[in-house]
PDB file of N, CA and C in Angstrom:
ATOM      1  N   UNK A   1       0.683  -1.126   0.026  1.00  0.00           N
ATOM      2  CA  UNK A   1       0.133   0.014   0.057  1.00  0.00           C
ATOM      3  C   UNK A   1       0.831   1.277  -0.003  1.00  0.00           C
ATOM      4  N   UNK A   2       0.323   2.422  -0.486  1.00  0.00           N
ATOM      5  CA  UNK A   2       0.992   3.608  -0.659  1.00  0.00           C
ATOM      6  C   UNK A   2       0.034   4.693  -0.387  1.00  0.00           C
ATOM      7  N   UNK A   3       0.521   5.733   0.199  1.00  0.00           N
ATOM      8  CA  UNK A   3      -0.121   6.930   0.315  1.00  0.00           C
ATOM      9  C   UNK A   3       0.878   8.212   0.340  1.00  0.00           C
ATOM     10  N   UNK A   4       0.532   9.301  -0.311  1.00  0.00           N
ATOM     11  CA  UNK A   4       1.535  10.418  -0.354  1.00  0.00           C
ATOM     12  C   UNK A   4       1.544  11.166   0.877  1.00  0.00           C
ATOM     13  N   UNK A   5       0.886  11.003   1.839  1.00  0.00           N
ATOM     14  CA  UNK A   5       0.909  11.586   3.120  1.00  0.00           C
ATOM     15  C   UNK A   5      -0.190  11.360   4.121  1.00  0.00           C
ATOM     16  N   UNK A   6      -0.108  11.933   5.311  1.00  0.00           N
ATOM     17  CA  UNK A   6      -1.064  11.846   6.308  1.00  0.00           C
ATOM     18  C   UNK A   6      -2.518  12.321   5.754  1.00  0.00           C
ATOM     19  N   UNK A   7      -3.580  11.698   5.884  1.00  0.00           N
ATOM     20  CA  UNK A   7      -4.791  12.104   5.540  1.00  0.00           C
ATOM     21  C   UNK A   7      -5.121  12.073   3.939  1.00  0.00           C
ATOM     22  N   UNK A   8      -4.207  11.364   3.209  1.00  0.00           N
ATOM     23  CA  UNK A   8      -4.181  11.214   1.823  1.00  0.00           C
ATOM     24  C   UNK A   8      -4.876   9.802   1.618  1.00  0.00           C
ATOM     25  N   UNK A   9      -5.364   9.518   0.421  1.00  0.00           N
ATOM     26  CA  UNK A   9      -5.896   8.199   0.054  1.00  0.00           C
ATOM     27  C   UNK A   9      -4.808   7.260   0.065  1.00  0.00           C
ATOM     28  N   UNK A  10      -5.179   6.016   0.557  1.00  0.00           N
ATOM     29  CA  UNK A  10      -4.191   4.937   0.466  1.00  0.00           C
ATOM     30  C   UNK A  10      -4.571   3.981  -0.602  1.00  0.00           C
ATOM     31  N   UNK A  11      -3.577   3.772  -1.350  1.00  0.00           N
ATOM     32  CA  UNK A  11      -3.744   2.770  -2.632  1.00  0.00           C
ATOM     33  C   UNK A  11      -2.960   1.511  -2.265  1.00  0.00           C
ATOM     34  N   UNK A  12      -3.639   0.500  -2.662  1.00  0.00           N
ATOM     35  CA  UNK A  12      -3.075  -0.815  -2.401  1.00  0.00           C
ATOM     36  C   UNK A  12      -2.843  -1.629  -3.719  1.00  0.00           C
ATOM     37  N   UNK A  13      -1.907  -2.224  -3.824  1.00  0.00           N
ATOM     38  CA  UNK A  13      -1.381  -3.083  -4.980  1.00  0.00           C
ATOM     39  C   UNK A  13      -1.289  -4.606  -4.709  1.00  0.00           C
ATOM     40  N   UNK A  14      -1.996  -5.426  -5.374  1.00  0.00           N
ATOM     41  CA  UNK A  14      -2.138  -6.683  -5.243  1.00  0.00           C
ATOM     42  C   UNK A  14      -1.558  -7.621  -6.146  1.00  0.00           C
ATOM     43  N   UNK A  15      -0.788  -8.632  -5.690  1.00  0.00           N
ATOM     44  CA  UNK A  15      -0.228  -9.798  -6.702  1.00  0.00           C
ATOM     45  C   UNK A  15      -0.584 -10.944  -6.049  1.00  0.00           C
ATOM     46  N   UNK A  16      -1.041 -12.033  -7.053  1.00  0.00           N
ATOM     47  CA  UNK A  16      -1.373 -13.208  -6.463  1.00  0.00           C
ATOM     48  C   UNK A  16      -0.522 -14.363  -7.325  1.00  0.00           C
ATOM     49  N   UNK A  17      -0.343 -15.470  -6.868  1.00  0.00           N
ATOM     50  CA  UNK A  17       0.188 -16.727  -7.511  1.00  0.00           C
ATOM     51  C   UNK A  17      -0.617 -17.865  -7.090  1.00  0.00           C
ATOM     52  N   UNK A  18      -1.303 -18.563  -7.963  1.00  0.00           N
ATOM     53  CA  UNK A  18      -1.975 -19.722  -7.802  1.00  0.00           C
ATOM     54  C   UNK A  18      -0.913 -20.895  -7.750  1.00  0.00           C
ATOM     55  N   UNK A  19      -1.099 -21.928  -7.040  1.00  0.00           N
ATOM     56  CA  UNK A  19      -0.285 -23.068  -7.132  1.00  0.00           C
ATOM     57  C   UNK A  19      -0.875 -24.117  -6.092  1.00  0.00           C
ATOM     58  N   UNK A  20       0.347 -24.902  -5.830  1.00  0.00           N
ATOM     59  CA  UNK A  20      -0.006 -26.143  -4.908  1.00  0.00           C
ATOM     60  C   UNK A  20       1.062 -26.243  -3.804  1.00  0.00           C
ATOM     61  N   UNK A  21       0.649 -27.033  -2.624  1.00  0.00           N
ATOM     62  CA  UNK A  21       1.685 -27.281  -1.827  1.00  0.00           C
ATOM     63  C   UNK A  21       2.193 -28.597  -2.130  1.00  0.00           C
ATOM     64  N   UNK A  22       3.586 -28.756  -1.795  1.00  0.00           N
ATOM     65  CA  UNK A  22       4.264 -30.055  -2.049  1.00  0.00           C
ATOM     66  C   UNK A  22       5.222 -30.332  -0.810  1.00  0.00           C
ATOM     67  N   UNK A  23       5.822 -31.575  -0.750  1.00  0.00           N
ATOM     68  CA  UNK A  23       6.705 -31.904   0.271  1.00  0.00           C
ATOM     69  C   UNK A  23       7.874 -30.790   0.035  1.00  0.00           C
ATOM     70  N   UNK A  24       8.674 -30.591   1.269  1.00  0.00           N
ATOM     71  CA  UNK A  24       9.544 -29.577   1.001  1.00  0.00           C
ATOM     72  C   UNK A  24      10.682 -29.911  -0.054  1.00  0.00           C
ATOM     73  N   UNK A  25      11.040 -29.100  -1.053  1.00  0.00           N
ATOM     74  CA  UNK A  25      11.986 -29.234  -1.985  1.00  0.00           C
ATOM     75  C   UNK A  25      12.862 -28.071  -2.125  1.00  0.00           C
ATOM     76  N   UNK A  26      14.075 -28.253  -2.498  1.00  0.00           N
ATOM     77  CA  UNK A  26      14.991 -26.980  -2.752  1.00  0.00           C
ATOM     78  C   UNK A  26      15.673 -26.633  -1.548  1.00  0.00           C
ATOM     79  N   UNK A  27      16.912 -26.062  -1.752  1.00  0.00           N
ATOM     80  CA  UNK A  27      17.857 -25.581  -0.815  1.00  0.00           C
ATOM     81  C   UNK A  27      18.413 -24.127  -0.928  1.00  0.00           C
ATOM     82  N   UNK A  28      17.656 -23.473  -1.806  1.00  0.00           N
ATOM     83  CA  UNK A  28      18.323 -22.077  -2.201  1.00  0.00           C
ATOM     84  C   UNK A  28      18.309 -21.299  -0.827  1.00  0.00           C
ATOM     85  N   UNK A  29      19.397 -20.667  -0.501  1.00  0.00           N
ATOM     86  CA  UNK A  29      19.646 -19.934   0.758  1.00  0.00           C
ATOM     87  C   UNK A  29      18.909 -18.643   0.572  1.00  0.00           C
ATOM     88  N   UNK A  30      18.252 -18.016   1.724  1.00  0.00           N
ATOM     89  CA  UNK A  30      17.579 -16.699   1.579  1.00  0.00           C
ATOM     90  C   UNK A  30      16.248 -16.752   1.068  1.00  0.00           C
ATOM     91  N   UNK A  31      15.601 -18.060   1.066  1.00  0.00           N
ATOM     92  CA  UNK A  31      14.181 -18.226   0.647  1.00  0.00           C
ATOM     93  C   UNK A  31      13.173 -17.865   1.785  1.00  0.00           C
ATOM     94  N   UNK A  32      11.984 -17.492   1.574  1.00  0.00           N
ATOM     95  CA  UNK A  32      11.011 -17.483   2.516  1.00  0.00           C
ATOM     96  C   UNK A  32      10.756 -18.951   2.968  1.00  0.00           C
ATOM     97  N   UNK A  33      10.177 -19.222   4.189  1.00  0.00           N
ATOM     98  CA  UNK A  33       9.971 -20.505   4.662  1.00  0.00           C
ATOM     99  C   UNK A  33       9.037 -21.373   3.693  1.00  0.00           C
ATOM    100  N   UNK A  34       8.184 -20.642   3.056  1.00  0.00           N
ATOM    101  CA  UNK A  34       7.246 -21.595   2.170  1.00  0.00           C
ATOM    102  C   UNK A  34       7.778 -21.806   1.006  1.00  0.00           C
ATOM    103  N   UNK A  35       8.834 -21.227   0.509  1.00  0.00           N
ATOM    104  CA  UNK A  35       9.290 -21.321  -0.920  1.00  0.00           C
ATOM    105  C   UNK A  35       9.597 -22.861  -1.061  1.00  0.00           C
ATOM    106  N   UNK A  36      10.060 -23.638  -0.219  1.00  0.00           N
ATOM    107  CA  UNK A  36      10.402 -24.912  -0.328  1.00  0.00           C
ATOM    108  C   UNK A  36       9.111 -25.981  -0.399  1.00  0.00           C
ATOM    109  N   UNK A  37       7.827 -25.301  -0.221  1.00  0.00           N
ATOM    110  CA  UNK A  37       6.672 -26.285  -0.247  1.00  0.00           C
ATOM    111  C   UNK A  37       5.726 -25.791  -1.148  1.00  0.00           C
ATOM    112  N   UNK A  38       5.964 -24.617  -2.010  1.00  0.00           N
ATOM    113  CA  UNK A  38       4.923 -24.101  -2.870  1.00  0.00           C
ATOM    114  C   UNK A  38       5.418 -24.176  -4.293  1.00  0.00           C
ATOM    115  N   UNK A  39       4.652 -24.836  -5.185  1.00  0.00           N
ATOM    116  CA  UNK A  39       4.858 -24.871  -6.538  1.00  0.00           C
ATOM    117  C   UNK A  39       3.768 -24.064  -7.341  1.00  0.00           C
ATOM    118  N   UNK A  40       4.354 -22.936  -8.065  1.00  0.00           N
ATOM    119  CA  UNK A  40       3.389 -22.041  -8.766  1.00  0.00           C
ATOM    120  C   UNK A  40       2.621 -23.035  -9.824  1.00  0.00           C
ATOM    121  N   UNK A  41       1.387 -22.572 -10.080  1.00  0.00           N
ATOM    122  CA  UNK A  41       0.557 -23.317 -11.103  1.00  0.00           C
ATOM    123  C   UNK A  41       1.363 -23.117 -12.506  1.00  0.00           C
ATOM    124  N   UNK A  42       1.465 -24.461 -13.107  1.00  0.00           N
ATOM    125  CA  UNK A  42       2.187 -24.415 -14.448  1.00  0.00           C
ATOM    126  C   UNK A  42       3.564 -24.701 -14.135  1.00  0.00           C
ATOM    127  N   UNK A  43       4.126 -24.621 -13.103  1.00  0.00           N
ATOM    128  CA  UNK A  43       5.671 -24.992 -12.932  1.00  0.00           C
ATOM    129  C   UNK A  43       5.731 -26.441 -12.402  1.00  0.00           C
ATOM    130  N   UNK A  44       6.928 -26.880 -12.489  1.00  0.00           N
ATOM    131  CA  UNK A  44       7.246 -28.176 -12.067  1.00  0.00           C
ATOM    132  C   UNK A  44       8.113 -28.180 -10.800  1.00  0.00           C
ATOM    133  N   UNK A  45       8.642 -26.959 -10.458  1.00  0.00           N
ATOM    134  CA  UNK A  45       9.665 -26.691  -9.312  1.00  0.00           C
ATOM    135  C   UNK A  45       8.979 -25.764  -8.407  1.00  0.00           C
ATOM    136  N   UNK A  46       9.466 -26.161  -7.129  1.00  0.00           N
ATOM    137  CA  UNK A  46       9.126 -25.066  -5.988  1.00  0.00           C
ATOM    138  C   UNK A  46       9.857 -23.828  -6.080  1.00  0.00           C
ATOM    139  N   UNK A  47       9.303 -22.784  -5.559  1.00  0.00           N
ATOM    140  CA  UNK A  47      10.185 -21.434  -5.530  1.00  0.00           C
ATOM    141  C   UNK A  47      11.502 -21.514  -5.086  1.00  0.00           C
ATOM    142  N   UNK A  48      11.798 -22.344  -4.060  1.00  0.00           N
ATOM    143  CA  UNK A  48      13.134 -22.577  -3.711  1.00  0.00           C
ATOM    144  C   UNK A  48      13.941 -23.405  -4.801  1.00  0.00           C
ATOM    145  N   UNK A  49      13.491 -24.226  -5.550  1.00  0.00           N
ATOM    146  CA  UNK A  49      14.263 -24.844  -6.531  1.00  0.00           C
ATOM    147  C   UNK A  49      14.634 -23.880  -7.888  1.00  0.00           C
ATOM    148  N   UNK A  50      13.888 -22.772  -7.905  1.00  0.00           N
ATOM    149  CA  UNK A  50      13.977 -21.826  -9.205  1.00  0.00           C
ATOM    150  C   UNK A  50      15.171 -20.876  -8.767  1.00  0.00           C
ATOM    151  N   UNK A  51      15.683 -20.254  -9.748  1.00  0.00           N
ATOM    152  CA  UNK A  51      16.633 -19.162  -9.632  1.00  0.00           C
ATOM    153  C   UNK A  51      15.817 -17.993  -9.212  1.00  0.00           C
ATOM    154  N   UNK A  52      16.500 -16.899  -8.675  1.00  0.00           N
ATOM    155  CA  UNK A  52      15.784 -15.659  -8.327  1.00  0.00           C
ATOM    156  C   UNK A  52      15.198 -15.043  -9.339  1.00  0.00           C
ATOM    157  N   UNK A  53      15.782 -15.116 -10.682  1.00  0.00           N
ATOM    158  CA  UNK A  53      15.103 -14.410 -11.472  1.00  0.00           C
ATOM    159  C   UNK A  53      13.647 -15.092 -12.036  1.00  0.00           C
ATOM    160  N   UNK A  54      13.719 -16.359 -12.050  1.00  0.00           N
ATOM    161  CA  UNK A  54      12.628 -17.224 -12.303  1.00  0.00           C
ATOM    162  C   UNK A  54      11.497 -17.012 -11.325  1.00  0.00           C
ATOM    163  N   UNK A  55      11.898 -17.033 -10.008  1.00  0.00           N
ATOM    164  CA  UNK A  55      10.927 -16.814  -8.866  1.00  0.00           C
ATOM    165  C   UNK A  55      10.341 -15.322  -8.997  1.00  0.00           C
ATOM    166  N   UNK A  56      11.026 -14.382  -9.192  1.00  0.00           N
ATOM    167  CA  UNK A  56      10.594 -13.007  -9.400  1.00  0.00           C
ATOM    168  C   UNK A  56       9.510 -12.918 -10.473  1.00  0.00           C
ATOM    169  N   UNK A  57       9.867 -13.564 -11.672  1.00  0.00           N
ATOM    170  CA  UNK A  57       8.838 -13.546 -12.718  1.00  0.00           C
ATOM    171  C   UNK A  57       7.462 -13.960 -12.255  1.00  0.00           C
ATOM    172  N   UNK A  58       7.430 -14.761 -11.318  1.00  0.00           N
ATOM    173  CA  UNK A  58       6.100 -15.230 -10.926  1.00  0.00           C
ATOM    174  C   UNK A  58       5.660 -14.760  -9.503  1.00  0.00           C
ATOM    175  N   UNK A  59       6.445 -14.201  -8.816  1.00  0.00           N
ATOM    176  CA  UNK A  59       6.159 -13.727  -7.407  1.00  0.00           C
ATOM    177  C   UNK A  59       5.050 -12.788  -7.226  1.00  0.00           C
ATOM    178  N   UNK A  60       4.170 -12.998  -6.305  1.00  0.00           N
ATOM    179  CA  UNK A  60       3.154 -12.097  -6.045  1.00  0.00           C
ATOM    180  C   UNK A  60       3.684 -10.769  -5.587  1.00  0.00           C
ATOM    181  N   UNK A  61       4.826 -10.612  -4.984  1.00  0.00           N
ATOM    182  CA  UNK A  61       5.508  -9.359  -4.579  1.00  0.00           C
ATOM    183  C   UNK A  61       5.788  -8.635  -5.764  1.00  0.00           C
ATOM    184  N   UNK A  62       6.379  -9.242  -6.815  1.00  0.00           N
ATOM    185  CA  UNK A  62       6.929  -8.735  -7.986  1.00  0.00           C
ATOM    186  C   UNK A  62       5.616  -7.969  -8.695  1.00  0.00           C
ATOM    187  N   UNK A  63       4.516  -8.912  -8.782  1.00  0.00           N
ATOM    188  CA  UNK A  63       3.388  -8.451  -9.557  1.00  0.00           C
ATOM    189  C   UNK A  63       2.764  -7.237  -8.853  1.00  0.00           C
ATOM    190  N   UNK A  64       2.784  -7.138  -7.572  1.00  0.00           N
ATOM    191  CA  UNK A  64       2.188  -5.959  -6.757  1.00  0.00           C
ATOM    192  C   UNK A  64       3.113  -4.721  -7.145  1.00  0.00           C
ATOM    193  N   UNK A  65       4.398  -4.878  -7.187  1.00  0.00           N
ATOM    194  CA  UNK A  65       5.396  -3.997  -7.375  1.00  0.00           C
ATOM    195  C   UNK A  65       5.252  -3.497  -8.736  1.00  0.00           C
ATOM    196  N   UNK A  66       5.022  -4.247  -9.631  1.00  0.00           N
ATOM    197  CA  UNK A  66       4.882  -3.946 -11.106  1.00  0.00           C
ATOM    198  C   UNK A  66       3.600  -3.043 -11.213  1.00  0.00           C
ATOM    199  N   UNK A  67       2.505  -3.264 -10.384  1.00  0.00           N
ATOM    200  CA  UNK A  67       1.291  -2.444 -10.341  1.00  0.00           C
ATOM    201  C   UNK A  67       1.574  -1.117  -9.769  1.00  0.00           C
ATOM    202  N   UNK A  68       2.490  -1.121  -8.626  1.00  0.00           N
ATOM    203  CA  UNK A  68       2.649   0.134  -7.970  1.00  0.00           C
ATOM    204  C   UNK A  68       3.587   0.957  -8.945  1.00  0.00           C
ATOM    205  N   UNK A  69       4.412   0.370  -9.665  1.00  0.00           N
ATOM    206  CA  UNK A  69       5.233   1.200 -10.680  1.00  0.00           C
ATOM    207  C   UNK A  69       4.481   1.797 -11.746  1.00  0.00           C
ATOM    208  N   UNK A  70       3.565   0.956 -12.299  1.00  0.00           N
ATOM    209  CA  UNK A  70       2.481   1.626 -13.237  1.00  0.00           C
ATOM    210  C   UNK A  70       1.797   2.731 -12.680  1.00  0.00           C
ATOM    211  N   UNK A  71       1.385   2.508 -11.439  1.00  0.00           N
ATOM    212  CA  UNK A  71       0.602   3.693 -10.706  1.00  0.00           C
ATOM    213  C   UNK A  71       1.238   4.973 -10.673  1.00  0.00           C
ATOM    214  N   UNK A  72       2.752   4.902 -10.198  1.00  0.00           N
ATOM    215  CA  UNK A  72       3.483   6.037 -10.175  1.00  0.00           C
ATOM    216  C   UNK A  72       3.786   6.518 -11.553  1.00  0.00           C
ATOM    217  N   UNK A  73       3.991   5.815 -12.557  1.00  0.00           N
ATOM    218  CA  UNK A  73       4.403   6.287 -13.893  1.00  0.00           C
ATOM    219  C   UNK A  73       3.158   7.083 -14.478  1.00  0.00           C
ATOM    220  N   UNK A  74       1.946   6.751 -14.057  1.00  0.00           N
ATOM    221  CA  UNK A  74       0.785   7.529 -14.508  1.00  0.00           C
ATOM    222  C   UNK A  74       0.686   8.851 -13.824  1.00  0.00           C
ATOM    223  N   UNK A  75       1.352   9.050 -12.648  1.00  0.00           N
ATOM    224  CA  UNK A  75       1.208  10.243 -11.983  1.00  0.00           C
ATOM    225  C   UNK A  75       2.282  11.164 -11.837  1.00  0.00           C
ATOM    226  N   UNK A  76       3.382  10.625 -12.156  1.00  0.00           N
ATOM    227  CA  UNK A  76       4.777  11.457 -12.125  1.00  0.00           C
ATOM    228  C   UNK A  76       4.918  12.005 -13.441  1.00  0.00           C
ATOM    229  N   UNK A  77       5.391  13.205 -13.608  1.00  0.00           N
ATOM    230  CA  UNK A  77       5.681  13.613 -14.916  1.00  0.00           C
ATOM    231  C   UNK A  77       7.115  13.114 -15.609  1.00  0.00           C
TER     232      UNK A  77
END
């Protein structure tokens, strides 16, 4: 979520990733706890088994950040 200041409207940006839960797989350091047990829909590997670039392309955080960037680009000169 973002606001330009106190009393200003709050804008929220949402990203989602559909998928399934699996037995823990992958050992990539610095992953979130659920990365080892989450396989995004259409993928064969858990987030922990993917490179950071692969994970970010599917990540709900990355999708929300992309929406925030689009919001800012529409409002900034």
